[in-house]
C-alpha atoms as a PDB file:
ATOM      1  CA  UNK A   1     -20.380 -69.585  49.861  1.00  0.00           C
ATOM      2  CA  UNK A   2     -19.019 -67.053  47.601  1.00  0.00           C
ATOM      3  CA  UNK A   3     -20.966 -65.722  44.891  1.00  0.00           C
ATOM      4  CA  UNK A   4     -20.032 -65.031  41.272  1.00  0.00           C
ATOM      5  CA  UNK A   5     -19.672 -61.119  42.169  1.00  0.00           C
ATOM      6  CA  UNK A   6     -17.079 -62.113  45.328  1.00  0.00           C
ATOM      7  CA  UNK A   7     -15.364 -64.167  42.689  1.00  0.00           C
ATOM      8  CA  UNK A   8     -15.070 -61.005  39.873  1.00  0.00           C
ATOM      9  CA  UNK A   9     -13.826 -57.469  39.790  1.00  0.00           C
ATOM     10  CA  UNK A  10     -16.888 -55.331  38.302  1.00  0.00           C
ATOM     11  CA  UNK A  11     -15.527 -51.928  37.448  1.00  0.00           C
ATOM     12  CA  UNK A  12     -18.674 -49.746  36.404  1.00  0.00           C
ATOM     13  CA  UNK A  13     -18.069 -47.122  33.691  1.00  0.00           C
ATOM     14  CA  UNK A  14     -20.839 -44.810  32.442  1.00  0.00           C
ATOM     15  CA  UNK A  15     -18.918 -42.926  30.483  1.00  0.00           C
ATOM     16  CA  UNK A  16     -16.777 -43.618  27.133  1.00  0.00           C
ATOM     17  CA  UNK A  17     -13.642 -41.719  29.360  1.00  0.00           C
ATOM     18  CA  UNK A  18     -14.457 -44.329  32.264  1.00  0.00           C
ATOM     19  CA  UNK A  19     -14.268 -47.266  29.917  1.00  0.00           C
ATOM     20  CA  UNK A  20     -11.047 -45.609  28.291  1.00  0.00           C
ATOM     21  CA  UNK A  21      -9.896 -45.936  31.904  1.00  0.00           C
ATOM     22  CA  UNK A  22     -10.968 -49.340  32.573  1.00  0.00           C
ATOM     23  CA  UNK A  23      -9.264 -50.444  29.777  1.00  0.00           C
ATOM     24  CA  UNK A  24      -6.030 -48.690  30.654  1.00  0.00           C
ATOM     25  CA  UNK A  25      -6.049 -50.344  34.150  1.00  0.00           C
ATOM     26  CA  UNK A  26      -6.946 -53.771  32.605  1.00  0.00           C
ATOM     27  CA  UNK A  27      -3.791 -53.795  30.074  1.00  0.00           C
ATOM     28  CA  UNK A  28      -1.595 -52.064  32.471  1.00  0.00           C
ATOM     29  CA  UNK A  29      -2.808 -54.918  35.229  1.00  0.00           C
ATOM     30  CA  UNK A  30      -1.617 -57.461  32.891  1.00  0.00           C
ATOM     31  CA  UNK A  31       1.428 -56.112  31.643  1.00  0.00           C
ATOM     32  CA  UNK A  32       0.665 -54.806  28.326  1.00  0.00           C
ATOM     33  CA  UNK A  33       1.744 -52.220  26.308  1.00  0.00           C
ATOM     34  CA  UNK A  34      -0.280 -50.259  24.099  1.00  0.00           C
ATOM     35  CA  UNK A  35       0.949 -51.895  21.044  1.00  0.00           C
ATOM     36  CA  UNK A  36       0.684 -55.325  21.760  1.00  0.00           C
ATOM     37  CA  UNK A  37      -2.614 -54.987  23.407  1.00  0.00           C
ATOM     38  CA  UNK A  38      -4.060 -53.582  19.911  1.00  0.00           C
ATOM     39  CA  UNK A  39      -1.747 -56.266  18.173  1.00  0.00           C
ATOM     40  CA  UNK A  40      -4.100 -58.832  20.216  1.00  0.00           C
ATOM     41  CA  UNK A  41      -6.968 -57.072  19.342  1.00  0.00           C
ATOM     42  CA  UNK A  42      -6.548 -56.229  15.897  1.00  0.00           C
ATOM     43  CA  UNK A  43      -7.052 -52.719  15.910  1.00  0.00           C
ATOM     44  CA  UNK A  44      -4.049 -49.967  16.077  1.00  0.00           C
ATOM     45  CA  UNK A  45      -2.006 -48.169  18.664  1.00  0.00           C
ATOM     46  CA  UNK A  46      -3.745 -45.039  17.635  1.00  0.00           C
ATOM     47  CA  UNK A  47      -7.085 -46.396  18.305  1.00  0.00           C
ATOM     48  CA  UNK A  48      -5.937 -47.998  22.174  1.00  0.00           C
ATOM     49  CA  UNK A  49      -4.553 -44.763  22.820  1.00  0.00           C
ATOM     50  CA  UNK A  50      -7.956 -42.151  21.655  1.00  0.00           C
ATOM     51  CA  UNK A  51     -10.087 -44.830  24.047  1.00  0.00           C
ATOM     52  CA  UNK A  52      -7.821 -44.901  27.056  1.00  0.00           C
ATOM     53  CA  UNK A  53      -7.574 -41.094  26.667  1.00  0.00           C
ATOM     54  CA  UNK A  54     -11.265 -41.226  26.448  1.00  0.00           C
ATOM     55  CA  UNK A  55     -11.088 -39.075  23.316  1.00  0.00           C
ATOM     56  CA  UNK A  56     -12.617 -42.029  20.712  1.00  0.00           C
ATOM     57  CA  UNK A  57     -16.136 -40.410  19.686  1.00  0.00           C
ATOM     58  CA  UNK A  58     -18.862 -43.179  18.674  1.00  0.00           C
ATOM     59  CA  UNK A  59     -17.109 -46.439  19.337  1.00  0.00           C
ATOM     60  CA  UNK A  60     -18.053 -49.705  16.896  1.00  0.00           C
ATOM     61  CA  UNK A  61     -19.101 -52.209  20.189  1.00  0.00           C
ATOM     62  CA  UNK A  62     -17.306 -54.842  18.128  1.00  0.00           C
ATOM     63  CA  UNK A  63     -13.585 -53.416  18.676  1.00  0.00           C
ATOM     64  CA  UNK A  64     -14.534 -53.178  21.755  1.00  0.00           C
ATOM     65  CA  UNK A  65     -15.044 -56.239  22.771  1.00  0.00           C
ATOM     66  CA  UNK A  66     -12.303 -57.423  20.530  1.00  0.00           C
ATOM     67  CA  UNK A  67     -10.396 -55.063  23.140  1.00  0.00           C
ATOM     68  CA  UNK A  68     -11.962 -56.766  26.128  1.00  0.00           C
ATOM     69  CA  UNK A  69     -11.524 -60.049  24.834  1.00  0.00           C
ATOM     70  CA  UNK A  70      -7.465 -59.685  24.268  1.00  0.00           C
ATOM     71  CA  UNK A  71      -7.557 -58.910  27.733  1.00  0.00           C
ATOM     72  CA  UNK A  72      -9.382 -61.807  29.236  1.00  0.00           C
ATOM     73  CA  UNK A  73     -12.175 -59.257  29.908  1.00  0.00           C
ATOM     74  CA  UNK A  74     -15.999 -59.609  29.294  1.00  0.00           C
ATOM     75  CA  UNK A  75     -18.622 -56.597  29.279  1.00  0.00           C
ATOM     76  CA  UNK A  76     -21.454 -56.876  31.509  1.00  0.00           C
ATOM     77  CA  UNK A  77     -24.485 -54.844  31.368  1.00  0.00           C
ATOM     78  CA  UNK A  78     -26.661 -54.266  34.337  1.00  0.00           C
ATOM     79  CA  UNK A  79     -30.555 -52.550  34.353  1.00  0.00           C
ATOM     80  CA  UNK A  80     -29.753 -49.938  36.717  1.00  0.00           C
ATOM     81  CA  UNK A  81     -33.489 -49.365  36.591  1.00  0.00           C
ATOM     82  CA  UNK A  82     -34.194 -52.382  38.782  1.00  0.00           C
ATOM     83  CA  UNK A  83     -31.858 -51.562  41.161  1.00  0.00           C
ATOM     84  CA  UNK A  84     -33.223 -48.169  41.799  1.00  0.00           C
ATOM     85  CA  UNK A  85     -36.588 -49.634  42.350  1.00  0.00           C
ATOM     86  CA  UNK A  86     -35.303 -51.786  45.163  1.00  0.00           C
ATOM     87  CA  UNK A  87     -33.869 -49.096  47.089  1.00  0.00           C
END
């Protein structure tokens, strides 16, 4: 029997630049331009560019959630403290 982790692509991002790269990869995988993603998410193309390049400081979580929703992706928060304790 497959587990949830086997059925989804999990990408770990610990920094804003890593999150930006993840968003870019998801956008590319879906064949969307930056302008198309921006329109779907209700943000500017310049905002998408800045996020993808890791240059956007102090990201608003609500905007990131809208972008992820436009990409049919979600955000998962994992408690690494529990994972460290199991090692």
